[in-house]
Protein backbone atom coordinates (compact mmCIF):
# COMPACT_ATOMS: atom_id res chain seq x y z
CA MET A 1 19.67 -1.74 14.46
CA MET A 2 20.46 1.26 12.25
CA ARG A 3 17.74 3.87 11.91
CA ILE A 4 16.86 5.98 8.91
CA ASP A 5 18.40 9.46 8.92
CA HIS A 6 15.75 12.13 9.39
CA ARG A 7 13.09 9.44 9.16
CA GLU A 8 10.49 11.30 11.15
CA GLU A 9 10.85 14.41 9.03
CA ASP A 10 10.90 12.46 5.76
CA LEU A 11 7.95 10.25 6.62
CA GLU A 12 5.82 13.14 7.74
CA ASN A 13 6.34 14.87 4.41
CA HIS A 14 6.90 12.08 1.93
CA ASP A 15 3.30 12.05 0.75
CA ARG A 16 3.38 15.69 -0.28
CA GLY A 17 4.01 17.35 -3.62
CA LEU A 18 2.59 16.57 -7.07
CA ASP A 19 3.11 12.80 -6.79
CA TYR A 20 0.93 12.85 -3.68
CA ASP A 21 -1.65 15.47 -4.64
CA LEU A 22 -2.68 14.21 -8.06
CA PRO A 23 -3.65 10.67 -7.01
CA ARG A 24 -5.40 12.00 -3.93
CA LEU A 25 -7.41 14.51 -5.94
CA LEU A 26 -8.45 11.76 -8.33
CA HIS A 27 -9.31 9.57 -5.36
CA ARG A 28 -11.83 12.15 -4.23
CA ARG A 29 -13.90 11.63 -7.37
CA GLY A 30 -16.85 10.74 -5.14
CA MET A 31 -17.04 14.28 -3.74
CA LEU A 32 -16.65 15.81 -7.19
CA LYS A 33 -19.49 13.67 -8.53
CA LEU A 34 -21.65 14.74 -5.62
CA VAL A 35 -21.02 18.43 -6.31
CA ALA A 36 -21.56 18.02 -10.06
CA GLY A 37 -24.82 16.11 -9.47
CA VAL A 38 -26.49 18.97 -7.66
CA GLY A 39 -24.94 21.66 -9.82
CA LEU A 40 -24.01 23.89 -6.87
CA ALA A 41 -27.32 25.67 -7.43
CA GLY A 42 -26.85 28.58 -5.08
CA THR A 43 -24.29 30.35 -2.96
CA GLY A 44 -25.59 28.66 0.15
CA LEU A 45 -24.62 25.26 -1.21
CA ILE A 46 -21.27 26.60 -2.34
CA THR A 47 -20.63 27.86 1.17
CA LEU A 48 -21.74 24.54 2.64
CA ALA A 49 -19.39 22.59 0.34
CA ALA A 50 -16.52 24.91 1.13
CA CYS A 51 -17.10 24.68 4.86
CA ALA A 52 -17.62 20.91 5.03
CA SER A 53 -15.33 19.36 7.57
CA GLU A 54 -12.48 17.11 6.52
CA GLY A 55 -14.26 14.21 8.21
CA GLU A 56 -17.44 14.81 6.18
CA ALA A 57 -15.47 14.98 2.95
CA ALA A 58 -13.66 11.77 3.86
CA GLN A 59 -16.98 10.05 4.56
CA ALA A 60 -18.31 11.11 1.16
CA THR A 61 -15.23 9.71 -0.53
CA GLN A 62 -15.47 6.47 1.40
CA THR A 63 -19.13 6.04 0.47
CA SER A 64 -18.38 6.65 -3.21
CA ASP A 65 -15.47 4.23 -3.24
CA THR A 66 -17.54 1.55 -1.54
CA ALA A 67 -20.30 2.06 -4.08
CA ASP A 68 -18.18 1.83 -7.20
CA GLY A 69 -15.97 -0.97 -5.85
CA GLU A 70 -12.77 0.18 -7.57
CA ILE A 71 -9.56 0.20 -5.54
CA PRO A 72 -8.65 3.75 -4.47
CA GLU A 73 -5.58 5.21 -6.15
CA GLU A 74 -2.90 6.02 -3.58
CA THR A 75 0.62 7.38 -3.47
CA SER A 76 3.47 4.94 -4.05
CA GLY A 77 5.41 6.80 -1.34
CA PRO A 78 9.08 7.78 -1.44
CA TYR A 79 10.50 4.25 -1.66
CA PRO A 80 8.80 2.54 -4.64
CA GLY A 81 11.87 1.02 -6.27
CA ASP A 82 10.03 1.10 -9.61
CA GLY A 83 12.25 3.67 -11.32
CA SER A 84 9.95 6.61 -10.56
CA ASN A 85 12.12 7.69 -7.62
CA GLY A 86 15.64 6.37 -8.00
CA ALA A 87 16.32 2.64 -8.18
CA ASN A 88 14.33 0.37 -10.50
CA VAL A 89 14.26 -3.15 -9.08
CA LEU A 90 11.69 -4.14 -11.71
CA THR A 91 14.40 -4.47 -14.36
CA GLN A 92 16.61 -6.74 -12.25
CA SER A 93 16.83 -10.45 -12.88
CA GLY A 94 15.22 -12.25 -9.95
CA ILE A 95 12.45 -9.77 -9.13
CA VAL A 96 9.76 -12.14 -10.44
CA ARG A 97 9.35 -14.35 -7.38
CA SER A 98 6.82 -15.45 -4.80
CA ASP A 99 9.08 -15.56 -1.72
CA ILE A 100 10.29 -12.00 -1.11
CA THR A 101 11.81 -12.45 2.36
CA SER A 102 15.40 -12.51 1.06
CA SER A 103 17.42 -10.21 -1.15
CA PHE A 104 18.47 -11.54 -4.55
CA GLY A 105 21.46 -10.88 -6.78
CA SER A 106 24.63 -9.91 -4.93
CA SER A 107 23.01 -10.34 -1.48
CA THR A 108 21.01 -13.11 0.12
CA THR A 109 20.19 -11.30 3.36
CA GLU A 110 16.87 -12.42 4.81
CA ALA A 111 14.44 -10.04 6.48
CA GLU A 112 13.47 -11.30 9.93
CA GLY A 113 9.98 -11.10 11.34
CA VAL A 114 6.68 -12.89 11.87
CA PRO A 115 5.84 -14.91 8.71
CA LEU A 116 3.08 -13.56 6.47
CA SER A 117 1.64 -15.27 3.40
CA ILE A 118 -0.34 -13.08 1.00
CA THR A 119 -2.95 -14.16 -1.54
CA MET A 120 -4.28 -11.33 -3.70
CA THR A 121 -7.08 -11.59 -6.25
CA ILE A 122 -7.02 -8.89 -8.92
CA ASN A 123 -10.17 -8.24 -10.95
CA ASP A 124 -10.81 -6.12 -14.03
CA PHE A 125 -13.35 -3.47 -13.05
CA ALA A 126 -14.07 -2.56 -16.69
CA LYS A 127 -14.98 -6.17 -17.46
CA GLU A 128 -17.56 -6.77 -14.75
CA LYS A 129 -14.82 -7.61 -12.26
CA SER A 130 -13.63 -10.65 -14.17
CA PRO A 131 -10.20 -12.01 -13.10
CA LEU A 132 -7.27 -10.03 -14.47
CA ALA A 133 -5.58 -13.20 -15.74
CA GLY A 134 -2.08 -12.51 -17.01
CA GLY A 135 -1.83 -9.23 -15.15
CA ALA A 136 1.06 -8.62 -12.77
CA VAL A 137 1.43 -7.27 -9.24
CA TYR A 138 4.51 -5.58 -7.82
CA LEU A 139 4.35 -5.65 -4.01
CA TRP A 140 6.69 -4.09 -1.44
CA HIS A 141 6.79 -2.98 2.19
CA CYS A 142 9.16 -2.07 5.02
CA ASP A 143 11.04 -4.56 7.20
CA ARG A 144 10.71 -5.26 10.93
CA GLU A 145 12.74 -2.14 11.74
CA GLY A 146 10.66 0.12 9.48
CA ARG A 147 13.33 0.31 6.77
CA TYR A 148 12.80 0.07 3.02
CA SER A 149 15.35 -1.88 1.03
CA LEU A 150 17.23 0.11 -1.66
CA TYR A 151 16.61 3.38 0.23
CA SER A 152 16.99 3.28 4.01
CA GLN A 153 20.28 3.59 5.86
CA GLY A 154 21.78 0.16 6.40
CA VAL A 155 19.78 -1.61 3.68
CA THR A 156 20.59 0.38 0.54
CA ASN A 157 22.37 -2.69 -0.85
CA GLU A 158 19.40 -4.97 -0.13
CA ASN A 159 16.32 -5.58 -2.27
CA TYR A 160 14.31 -7.82 0.05
CA LEU A 161 10.56 -7.44 0.62
CA ARG A 162 10.00 -6.59 -3.04
CA GLY A 163 8.67 -8.90 -5.71
CA VAL A 164 6.54 -9.32 -8.82
CA GLN A 165 4.08 -12.10 -9.58
CA GLU A 166 1.94 -12.89 -12.63
CA ALA A 167 -1.76 -13.43 -11.98
CA ASP A 168 -3.12 -16.89 -12.76
CA ASP A 169 -6.43 -17.67 -14.49
CA ARG A 170 -8.28 -16.71 -11.31
CA GLY A 171 -6.46 -13.38 -11.12
CA GLN A 172 -4.50 -14.52 -8.08
CA VAL A 173 -0.93 -13.83 -7.02
CA ARG A 174 0.83 -15.12 -3.91
CA PHE A 175 3.71 -13.81 -1.85
CA THR A 176 5.61 -15.12 1.15
CA THR A 177 7.00 -12.36 3.34
CA ILE A 178 7.09 -11.01 6.91
CA PHE A 179 4.71 -8.73 8.78
CA PRO A 180 5.91 -5.12 8.30
CA ALA A 181 6.66 -2.68 11.10
CA CYS A 182 4.73 0.40 12.07
CA TYR A 183 7.07 3.33 11.61
CA SER A 184 6.60 6.90 12.75
CA GLY A 185 3.84 8.76 10.95
CA ARG A 186 2.14 5.86 9.13
CA TRP A 187 -0.37 3.14 9.88
CA PRO A 188 0.99 -0.39 9.14
CA HIS A 189 0.57 -0.95 5.40
CA ILE A 190 1.66 -2.78 2.27
CA HIS A 191 2.22 -1.12 -1.11
CA PHE A 192 1.34 -2.60 -4.47
CA GLU A 193 1.15 -1.70 -8.14
CA VAL A 194 -0.86 -3.54 -10.80
CA TYR A 195 0.37 -3.93 -14.37
CA PRO A 196 -1.51 -5.19 -17.44
CA SER A 197 1.05 -7.95 -18.03
CA LEU A 198 4.31 -9.35 -16.72
CA ALA A 199 6.13 -8.02 -19.78
CA LYS A 200 5.04 -4.47 -18.92
CA ALA A 201 5.91 -4.74 -15.24
CA THR A 202 9.36 -3.25 -15.82
CA ASN A 203 8.43 0.41 -16.12
CA SER A 204 6.25 2.33 -13.68
CA ALA A 205 4.74 4.26 -16.59
CA ASN A 206 2.87 1.08 -17.53
CA LYS A 207 1.07 0.54 -14.22
CA ILE A 208 -2.72 0.65 -14.22
CA ALA A 209 -3.21 1.02 -10.46
CA THR A 210 -1.24 1.99 -7.36
CA SER A 211 -2.66 1.43 -3.92
CA GLN A 212 -1.99 0.26 -0.37
CA MET A 213 -3.42 -2.30 2.06
CA ALA A 214 -4.14 -1.23 5.64
CA LEU A 215 -3.28 -3.95 8.14
CA PRO A 216 -5.79 -4.79 10.90
CA GLU A 217 -5.10 -3.23 14.30
CA ALA A 218 -5.65 -6.36 16.40
CA THR A 219 -3.27 -8.37 14.25
CA ALA A 220 -0.65 -5.63 14.31
CA LYS A 221 -0.78 -5.39 18.10
CA ALA A 222 -0.32 -9.16 18.44
CA VAL A 223 2.68 -9.11 16.10
CA TYR A 224 4.27 -6.08 17.71
CA ALA A 225 4.22 -7.78 21.10
CA THR A 226 6.88 -10.20 19.80
CA ASN A 227 10.65 -9.76 19.87
CA GLY A 228 12.09 -7.43 17.26
CA TYR A 229 9.04 -5.21 16.82
CA GLU A 230 9.46 -3.19 20.01
CA GLN A 231 9.62 0.22 18.32
CA SER A 232 6.37 -0.49 16.46
CA VAL A 233 4.46 -0.61 19.75
CA SER A 234 4.98 3.07 20.53
CA ASN A 235 4.63 4.11 16.88
CA LEU A 236 1.25 2.37 16.59
CA SER A 237 0.05 3.89 19.85
CA ARG A 238 0.41 7.35 18.28
CA MET A 239 -1.44 6.43 15.09
CA SER A 240 -4.97 5.63 13.97
CA LEU A 241 -6.58 4.93 10.63
CA ALA A 242 -8.40 8.23 11.01
CA SER A 243 -5.13 10.14 11.40
CA ASP A 244 -3.15 8.29 8.72
CA ASN A 245 -2.48 10.50 5.69
CA VAL A 246 -3.48 7.72 3.25
CA PHE A 247 -6.34 5.87 4.94
CA SER A 248 -8.05 8.78 6.69
CA ASP A 249 -10.42 9.29 3.76
CA GLY A 250 -11.66 5.70 3.78
CA TYR A 251 -10.18 2.22 3.80
CA ASP A 252 -13.10 -0.19 3.36
CA LEU A 253 -11.71 -1.45 0.05
CA GLN A 254 -8.15 -1.58 1.39
CA MET A 255 -8.53 -3.73 4.50
CA PRO A 256 -7.57 -7.38 3.93
CA THR A 257 -8.62 -10.42 5.93
CA VAL A 258 -5.81 -11.71 8.13
CA LYS A 259 -5.86 -14.97 10.10
CA GLY A 260 -3.25 -16.77 12.17
CA ASP A 261 -1.05 -16.10 15.18
CA PRO A 262 2.49 -14.81 15.85
CA SER A 263 3.99 -18.24 16.52
CA SER A 264 2.83 -19.97 13.33
CA GLY A 265 2.47 -16.90 11.12
CA TYR A 266 -0.40 -15.15 9.39
CA GLN A 267 -2.36 -15.64 6.18
CA LEU A 268 -3.61 -12.53 4.42
CA THR A 269 -6.26 -12.58 1.68
CA PHE A 270 -7.22 -9.53 -0.33
CA SER A 271 -9.34 -8.85 -3.41
CA CYS A 272 -9.52 -5.65 -5.40
CA ALA A 273 -10.84 -4.37 -8.71
CA VAL A 274 -8.64 -2.18 -10.91
């Protein structure tokens, strides 16, 4: 299999810069609320806040996120395919689909891997978490080799593992895909963006939420023991949720339920409020 040029360097730094920092600063609203609540009434408290460890700050953020129940805002990464960084697959005919295992358009290449079915429920946080009926979800992730279609060497002409679905009356969308790899520098994950409607899911400027799902460790280890995922074994062994540059500040609201086995495939269910 072809590998991405300079992947390790790119992946270690891809979540840096303004696109990374702004969402992450907003995501730490829990810590800001904590500081504002006590007013920083004294230099001792200022010193304490300044000297708090990264782990303590992460715990404060996690507690806040769990309390308010709104999905944390995360980076879309360097390979969104939504027009914000190069290609815009959202404007292509065929992107609205449930089965995202194959490319569409000029290619019909199918991504190989352990089958994964995804059922997401999207709720409107501003409306007492009622279903976001008529909303839309754009979901994407890497393939079994850790490559992203449209961007990575060897798959720049592919658009597999990307798709958009409109939420039904229960706020649900469904996707059929494969279990993604663990590549160097990141915990196994799935990206998604939420849009207010299918009509507006053509321009990243219209999205109302961007986040990621963290995949369970036990499931990932079972998948990576199968043929084709060999490189994910060593990559996962060097990673943890605590060291991941997205999930290290809390992932309670980003961990889906996954059931199944490698031979028959897995079923993932996930609910979030936006």
